[in-house]
Amino acid sequence: MTEITKKLKIIVFIDAIIGLCFAFFYLVAPYYYLSFIEWPFFDPYYSWAFGGTFLILSIFILRSIRQN
């Protein structure tokens, strides 16, 4: 299996950090975040699902970086 280049590891790591930030916004403080970006309606289940998706993707990204 080929190694991931150092530049790609850095870019993917930055992507994972940004994903974790959005996961925090959507999971912990969805009302404040959605009112800040002027979302037209507030549905907590939608924001929790979106935040959970960000969290899972970020965890798997960090895990894949660690294995290579």
PDB file of N, CA and C in Angstrom:
ATOM      1  N   MET A   1       0.848  -1.180   0.000  1.00  0.00           N
ATOM      2  CA  MET A   1       0.000   0.000   0.000  1.00  0.00           C
ATOM      3  C   MET A   1       0.893   1.243   0.000  1.00  0.00           C
ATOM      4  N   THR A   2       0.493   2.234  -0.727  1.00  0.00           N
ATOM      5  CA  THR A   2       1.303   3.442  -0.829  1.00  0.00           C
ATOM      6  C   THR A   2       1.050   4.370   0.353  1.00  0.00           C
ATOM      7  N   GLU A   3       2.056   5.148   0.658  1.00  0.00           N
ATOM      8  CA  GLU A   3       1.957   6.117   1.745  1.00  0.00           C
ATOM      9  C   GLU A   3       1.263   7.393   1.260  1.00  0.00           C
ATOM     10  N   ILE A   4       0.615   8.070   2.173  1.00  0.00           N
ATOM     11  CA  ILE A   4       0.014   9.363   1.880  1.00  0.00           C
ATOM     12  C   ILE A   4       1.111  10.414   1.991  1.00  0.00           C
ATOM     13  N   THR A   5       1.160  11.329   1.051  1.00  0.00           N
ATOM     14  CA  THR A   5       2.193  12.361   1.102  1.00  0.00           C
ATOM     15  C   THR A   5       1.964  13.293   2.282  1.00  0.00           C
ATOM     16  N   LYS A   6       3.038  13.962   2.684  1.00  0.00           N
ATOM     17  CA  LYS A   6       2.967  14.843   3.849  1.00  0.00           C
ATOM     18  C   LYS A   6       1.999  16.009   3.615  1.00  0.00           C
ATOM     19  N   LYS A   7       2.004  16.574   2.406  1.00  0.00           N
ATOM     20  CA  LYS A   7       1.102  17.685   2.095  1.00  0.00           C
ATOM     21  C   LYS A   7      -0.358  17.247   2.205  1.00  0.00           C
ATOM     22  N   LEU A   8      -0.663  16.067   1.690  1.00  0.00           N
ATOM     23  CA  LEU A   8      -2.033  15.570   1.757  1.00  0.00           C
ATOM     24  C   LEU A   8      -2.450  15.296   3.199  1.00  0.00           C
ATOM     25  N   LYS A   9      -1.519  14.787   4.020  1.00  0.00           N
ATOM     26  CA  LYS A   9      -1.820  14.567   5.430  1.00  0.00           C
ATOM     27  C   LYS A   9      -2.164  15.875   6.130  1.00  0.00           C
ATOM     28  N   ILE A  10      -1.427  16.928   5.836  1.00  0.00           N
ATOM     29  CA  ILE A  10      -1.685  18.232   6.452  1.00  0.00           C
ATOM     30  C   ILE A  10      -3.046  18.776   6.017  1.00  0.00           C
ATOM     31  N   ILE A  11      -3.347  18.674   4.736  1.00  0.00           N
ATOM     32  CA  ILE A  11      -4.629  19.177   4.221  1.00  0.00           C
ATOM     33  C   ILE A  11      -5.800  18.399   4.819  1.00  0.00           C
ATOM     34  N   VAL A  12      -5.664  17.091   4.904  1.00  0.00           N
ATOM     35  CA  VAL A  12      -6.746  16.267   5.451  1.00  0.00           C
ATOM     36  C   VAL A  12      -6.886  16.513   6.953  1.00  0.00           C
ATOM     37  N   PHE A  13      -5.774  16.747   7.647  1.00  0.00           N
ATOM     38  CA  PHE A  13      -5.830  17.064   9.073  1.00  0.00           C
ATOM     39  C   PHE A  13      -6.566  18.382   9.311  1.00  0.00           C
ATOM     40  N   ILE A  14      -6.294  19.381   8.490  1.00  0.00           N
ATOM     41  CA  ILE A  14      -6.999  20.664   8.594  1.00  0.00           C
ATOM     42  C   ILE A  14      -8.490  20.465   8.315  1.00  0.00           C
ATOM     43  N   ASP A  15      -8.805  19.628   7.333  1.00  0.00           N
ATOM     44  CA  ASP A  15     -10.207  19.314   7.040  1.00  0.00           C
ATOM     45  C   ASP A  15     -10.882  18.652   8.239  1.00  0.00           C
ATOM     46  N   ALA A  16     -10.180  17.761   8.922  1.00  0.00           N
ATOM     47  CA  ALA A  16     -10.749  17.095  10.094  1.00  0.00           C
ATOM     48  C   ALA A  16     -10.980  18.082  11.237  1.00  0.00           C
ATOM     49  N   ILE A  17     -10.067  19.019  11.433  1.00  0.00           N
ATOM     50  CA  ILE A  17     -10.229  20.028  12.495  1.00  0.00           C
ATOM     51  C   ILE A  17     -11.441  20.918  12.196  1.00  0.00           C
ATOM     52  N   ILE A  18     -11.587  21.317  10.953  1.00  0.00           N
ATOM     53  CA  ILE A  18     -12.747  22.136  10.568  1.00  0.00           C
ATOM     54  C   ILE A  18     -14.037  21.335  10.754  1.00  0.00           C
ATOM     55  N   GLY A  19     -14.013  20.055  10.404  1.00  0.00           N
ATOM     56  CA  GLY A  19     -15.174  19.205  10.611  1.00  0.00           C
ATOM     57  C   GLY A  19     -15.532  19.059  12.082  1.00  0.00           C
ATOM     58  N   LEU A  20     -14.526  18.969  12.950  1.00  0.00           N
ATOM     59  CA  LEU A  20     -14.792  18.896  14.387  1.00  0.00           C
ATOM     60  C   LEU A  20     -15.384  20.198  14.916  1.00  0.00           C
ATOM     61  N   CYS A  21     -14.941  21.320  14.367  1.00  0.00           N
ATOM     62  CA  CYS A  21     -15.519  22.612  14.771  1.00  0.00           C
ATOM     63  C   CYS A  21     -16.994  22.683  14.390  1.00  0.00           C
ATOM     64  N   PHE A  22     -17.314  22.287  13.160  1.00  0.00           N
ATOM     65  CA  PHE A  22     -18.716  22.295  12.741  1.00  0.00           C
ATOM     66  C   PHE A  22     -19.536  21.282  13.524  1.00  0.00           C
ATOM     67  N   ALA A  23     -18.938  20.141  13.865  1.00  0.00           N
ATOM     68  CA  ALA A  23     -19.651  19.152  14.682  1.00  0.00           C
ATOM     69  C   ALA A  23     -19.989  19.744  16.041  1.00  0.00           C
ATOM     70  N   PHE A  24     -19.071  20.496  16.618  1.00  0.00           N
ATOM     71  CA  PHE A  24     -19.343  21.149  17.903  1.00  0.00           C
ATOM     72  C   PHE A  24     -20.492  22.136  17.763  1.00  0.00           C
ATOM     73  N   PHE A  25     -20.458  22.955  16.710  1.00  0.00           N
ATOM     74  CA  PHE A  25     -21.511  23.947  16.513  1.00  0.00           C
ATOM     75  C   PHE A  25     -22.879  23.296  16.337  1.00  0.00           C
ATOM     76  N   TYR A  26     -22.941  22.217  15.560  1.00  0.00           N
ATOM     77  CA  TYR A  26     -24.227  21.587  15.281  1.00  0.00           C
ATOM     78  C   TYR A  26     -24.716  20.683  16.413  1.00  0.00           C
ATOM     79  N   LEU A  27     -23.809  20.127  17.212  1.00  0.00           N
ATOM     80  CA  LEU A  27     -24.228  19.219  18.280  1.00  0.00           C
ATOM     81  C   LEU A  27     -24.460  19.928  19.607  1.00  0.00           C
ATOM     82  N   VAL A  28     -23.577  20.852  19.974  1.00  0.00           N
ATOM     83  CA  VAL A  28     -23.636  21.456  21.299  1.00  0.00           C
ATOM     84  C   VAL A  28     -24.479  22.725  21.316  1.00  0.00           C
ATOM     85  N   ALA A  29     -24.300  23.568  20.345  1.00  0.00           N
ATOM     86  CA  ALA A  29     -25.004  24.850  20.344  1.00  0.00           C
ATOM     87  C   ALA A  29     -25.740  25.079  19.031  1.00  0.00           C
ATOM     88  N   PRO A  30     -26.685  24.208  18.662  1.00  0.00           N
ATOM     89  CA  PRO A  30     -27.340  24.384  17.356  1.00  0.00           C
ATOM     90  C   PRO A  30     -28.211  25.628  17.280  1.00  0.00           C
ATOM     91  N   TYR A  31     -28.882  25.976  18.371  1.00  0.00           N
ATOM     92  CA  TYR A  31     -29.783  27.137  18.314  1.00  0.00           C
ATOM     93  C   TYR A  31     -28.986  28.423  18.077  1.00  0.00           C
ATOM     94  N   TYR A  32     -27.893  28.601  18.800  1.00  0.00           N
ATOM     95  CA  TYR A  32     -27.102  29.823  18.655  1.00  0.00           C
ATOM     96  C   TYR A  32     -26.417  29.886  17.297  1.00  0.00           C
ATOM     97  N   TYR A  33     -25.905  28.757  16.834  1.00  0.00           N
ATOM     98  CA  TYR A  33     -25.230  28.741  15.543  1.00  0.00           C
ATOM     99  C   TYR A  33     -26.209  28.990  14.403  1.00  0.00           C
ATOM    100  N   LEU A  34     -27.363  28.314  14.438  1.00  0.00           N
ATOM    101  CA  LEU A  34     -28.328  28.485  13.350  1.00  0.00           C
ATOM    102  C   LEU A  34     -28.959  29.869  13.359  1.00  0.00           C
ATOM    103  N   SER A  35     -29.092  30.489  14.539  1.00  0.00           N
ATOM    104  CA  SER A  35     -29.601  31.857  14.559  1.00  0.00           C
ATOM    105  C   SER A  35     -28.531  32.836  14.081  1.00  0.00           C
ATOM    106  N   PHE A  36     -27.263  32.505  14.271  1.00  0.00           N
ATOM    107  CA  PHE A  36     -26.176  33.361  13.799  1.00  0.00           C
ATOM    108  C   PHE A  36     -26.097  33.378  12.276  1.00  0.00           C
ATOM    109  N   ILE A  37     -26.296  32.213  11.643  1.00  0.00           N
ATOM    110  CA  ILE A  37     -26.245  32.167  10.178  1.00  0.00           C
ATOM    111  C   ILE A  37     -27.611  32.423   9.553  1.00  0.00           C
ATOM    112  N   GLU A  38     -28.600  32.791  10.378  1.00  0.00           N
ATOM    113  CA  GLU A  38     -29.951  33.148   9.945  1.00  0.00           C
ATOM    114  C   GLU A  38     -30.627  32.018   9.177  1.00  0.00           C
ATOM    115  N   TRP A  39     -30.612  30.845   9.766  1.00  0.00           N
ATOM    116  CA  TRP A  39     -31.303  29.695   9.196  1.00  0.00           C
ATOM    117  C   TRP A  39     -32.804  29.931   9.300  1.00  0.00           C
ATOM    118  N   PRO A  40     -33.581  29.665   8.263  1.00  0.00           N
ATOM    119  CA  PRO A  40     -35.004  30.042   8.277  1.00  0.00           C
ATOM    120  C   PRO A  40     -35.865  29.264   9.276  1.00  0.00           C
ATOM    121  N   PHE A  41     -35.485  28.054   9.626  1.00  0.00           N
ATOM    122  CA  PHE A  41     -36.263  27.283  10.599  1.00  0.00           C
ATOM    123  C   PHE A  41     -35.302  26.530  11.508  1.00  0.00           C
ATOM    124  N   PHE A  42     -35.785  26.164  12.671  1.00  0.00           N
ATOM    125  CA  PHE A  42     -34.946  25.456  13.626  1.00  0.00           C
ATOM    126  C   PHE A  42     -35.503  24.053  13.853  1.00  0.00           C
ATOM    127  N   ASP A  43     -34.763  23.056  13.439  1.00  0.00           N
ATOM    128  CA  ASP A  43     -35.111  21.663  13.669  1.00  0.00           C
ATOM    129  C   ASP A  43     -33.916  20.995  14.338  1.00  0.00           C
ATOM    130  N   PRO A  44     -33.989  20.709  15.646  1.00  0.00           N
ATOM    131  CA  PRO A  44     -32.815  20.179  16.333  1.00  0.00           C
ATOM    132  C   PRO A  44     -32.378  18.813  15.820  1.00  0.00           C
ATOM    133  N   TYR A  45     -33.288  17.992  15.337  1.00  0.00           N
ATOM    134  CA  TYR A  45     -32.908  16.670  14.856  1.00  0.00           C
ATOM    135  C   TYR A  45     -32.074  16.756  13.581  1.00  0.00           C
ATOM    136  N   TYR A  46     -32.405  17.690  12.722  1.00  0.00           N
ATOM    137  CA  TYR A  46     -31.623  17.897  11.506  1.00  0.00           C
ATOM    138  C   TYR A  46     -30.204  18.344  11.848  1.00  0.00           C
ATOM    139  N   SER A  47     -30.086  19.292  12.769  1.00  0.00           N
ATOM    140  CA  SER A  47     -28.749  19.786  13.116  1.00  0.00           C
ATOM    141  C   SER A  47     -27.946  18.725  13.860  1.00  0.00           C
ATOM    142  N   TRP A  48     -28.600  17.896  14.693  1.00  0.00           N
ATOM    143  CA  TRP A  48     -27.875  16.827  15.386  1.00  0.00           C
ATOM    144  C   TRP A  48     -27.393  15.762  14.398  1.00  0.00           C
ATOM    145  N   ALA A  49     -28.202  15.454  13.412  1.00  0.00           N
ATOM    146  CA  ALA A  49     -27.781  14.482  12.398  1.00  0.00           C
ATOM    147  C   ALA A  49     -26.615  15.021  11.581  1.00  0.00           C
ATOM    148  N   PHE A  50     -26.686  16.285  11.229  1.00  0.00           N
ATOM    149  CA  PHE A  50     -25.613  16.904  10.464  1.00  0.00           C
ATOM    150  C   PHE A  50     -24.327  16.966  11.290  1.00  0.00           C
ATOM    151  N   GLY A  51     -24.443  17.334  12.567  1.00  0.00           N
ATOM    152  CA  GLY A  51     -23.272  17.376  13.448  1.00  0.00           C
ATOM    153  C   GLY A  51     -22.694  16.001  13.702  1.00  0.00           C
ATOM    154  N   GLY A  52     -23.551  14.998  13.841  1.00  0.00           N
ATOM    155  CA  GLY A  52     -23.064  13.635  14.019  1.00  0.00           C
ATOM    156  C   GLY A  52     -22.311  13.131  12.801  1.00  0.00           C
ATOM    157  N   THR A  53     -22.787  13.502  11.630  1.00  0.00           N
ATOM    158  CA  THR A  53     -22.092  13.129  10.401  1.00  0.00           C
ATOM    159  C   THR A  53     -20.718  13.776  10.337  1.00  0.00           C
ATOM    160  N   PHE A  54     -20.634  15.055  10.678  1.00  0.00           N
ATOM    161  CA  PHE A  54     -19.339  15.728  10.727  1.00  0.00           C
ATOM    162  C   PHE A  54     -18.410  15.064  11.731  1.00  0.00           C
ATOM    163  N   LEU A  55     -18.936  14.699  12.893  1.00  0.00           N
ATOM    164  CA  LEU A  55     -18.127  14.078  13.931  1.00  0.00           C
ATOM    165  C   LEU A  55     -17.590  12.725  13.484  1.00  0.00           C
ATOM    166  N   ILE A  56     -18.432  11.903  12.910  1.00  0.00           N
ATOM    167  CA  ILE A  56     -17.996  10.577  12.464  1.00  0.00           C
ATOM    168  C   ILE A  56     -16.965  10.686  11.350  1.00  0.00           C
ATOM    169  N   LEU A  57     -17.205  11.569  10.381  1.00  0.00           N
ATOM    170  CA  LEU A  57     -16.240  11.740   9.299  1.00  0.00           C
ATOM    171  C   LEU A  57     -14.897  12.244   9.812  1.00  0.00           C
ATOM    172  N   SER A  58     -14.913  13.169  10.758  1.00  0.00           N
ATOM    173  CA  SER A  58     -13.662  13.701  11.300  1.00  0.00           C
ATOM    174  C   SER A  58     -12.904  12.643  12.086  1.00  0.00           C
ATOM    175  N   ILE A  59     -13.615  11.820  12.826  1.00  0.00           N
ATOM    176  CA  ILE A  59     -12.951  10.755  13.584  1.00  0.00           C
ATOM    177  C   ILE A  59     -12.292   9.755  12.640  1.00  0.00           C
ATOM    178  N   PHE A  60     -12.986   9.381  11.581  1.00  0.00           N
ATOM    179  CA  PHE A  60     -12.396   8.440  10.642  1.00  0.00           C
ATOM    180  C   PHE A  60     -11.234   9.059   9.866  1.00  0.00           C
ATOM    181  N   ILE A  61     -11.288  10.338   9.577  1.00  0.00           N
ATOM    182  CA  ILE A  61     -10.168  11.005   8.926  1.00  0.00           C
ATOM    183  C   ILE A  61      -8.942  10.983   9.833  1.00  0.00           C
ATOM    184  N   LEU A  62      -9.118  11.351  11.108  1.00  0.00           N
ATOM    185  CA  LEU A  62      -7.994  11.350  12.032  1.00  0.00           C
ATOM    186  C   LEU A  62      -7.450   9.932  12.241  1.00  0.00           C
ATOM    187  N   ARG A  63      -8.336   8.962  12.247  1.00  0.00           N
ATOM    188  CA  ARG A  63      -7.901   7.579  12.416  1.00  0.00           C
ATOM    189  C   ARG A  63      -7.098   7.107  11.202  1.00  0.00           C
ATOM    190  N   SER A  64      -7.512   7.493  10.018  1.00  0.00           N
ATOM    191  CA  SER A  64      -6.777   7.083   8.819  1.00  0.00           C
ATOM    192  C   SER A  64      -5.421   7.759   8.728  1.00  0.00           C
ATOM    193  N   ILE A  65      -5.333   9.005   9.191  1.00  0.00           N
ATOM    194  CA  ILE A  65      -4.032   9.693   9.209  1.00  0.00           C
ATOM    195  C   ILE A  65      -3.089   8.997  10.175  1.00  0.00           C
ATOM    196  N   ARG A  66      -3.604   8.592  11.300  1.00  0.00           N
ATOM    197  CA  ARG A  66      -2.771   7.958  12.329  1.00  0.00           C
ATOM    198  C   ARG A  66      -2.246   6.598  11.849  1.00  0.00           C
ATOM    199  N   GLN A  67      -3.015   5.868  11.066  1.00  0.00           N
ATOM    200  CA  GLN A  67      -2.585   4.562  10.595  1.00  0.00           C
ATOM    201  C   GLN A  67      -1.501   4.652   9.528  1.00  0.00           C
ATOM    202  N   ASN A  68      -1.456   5.743   8.795  1.00  0.00           N
ATOM    203  CA  ASN A  68      -0.442   5.884   7.737  1.00  0.00           C
ATOM    204  C   ASN A  68       0.750   6.568   8.261  1.00  0.00           C
TER     205      ASN A  68
END
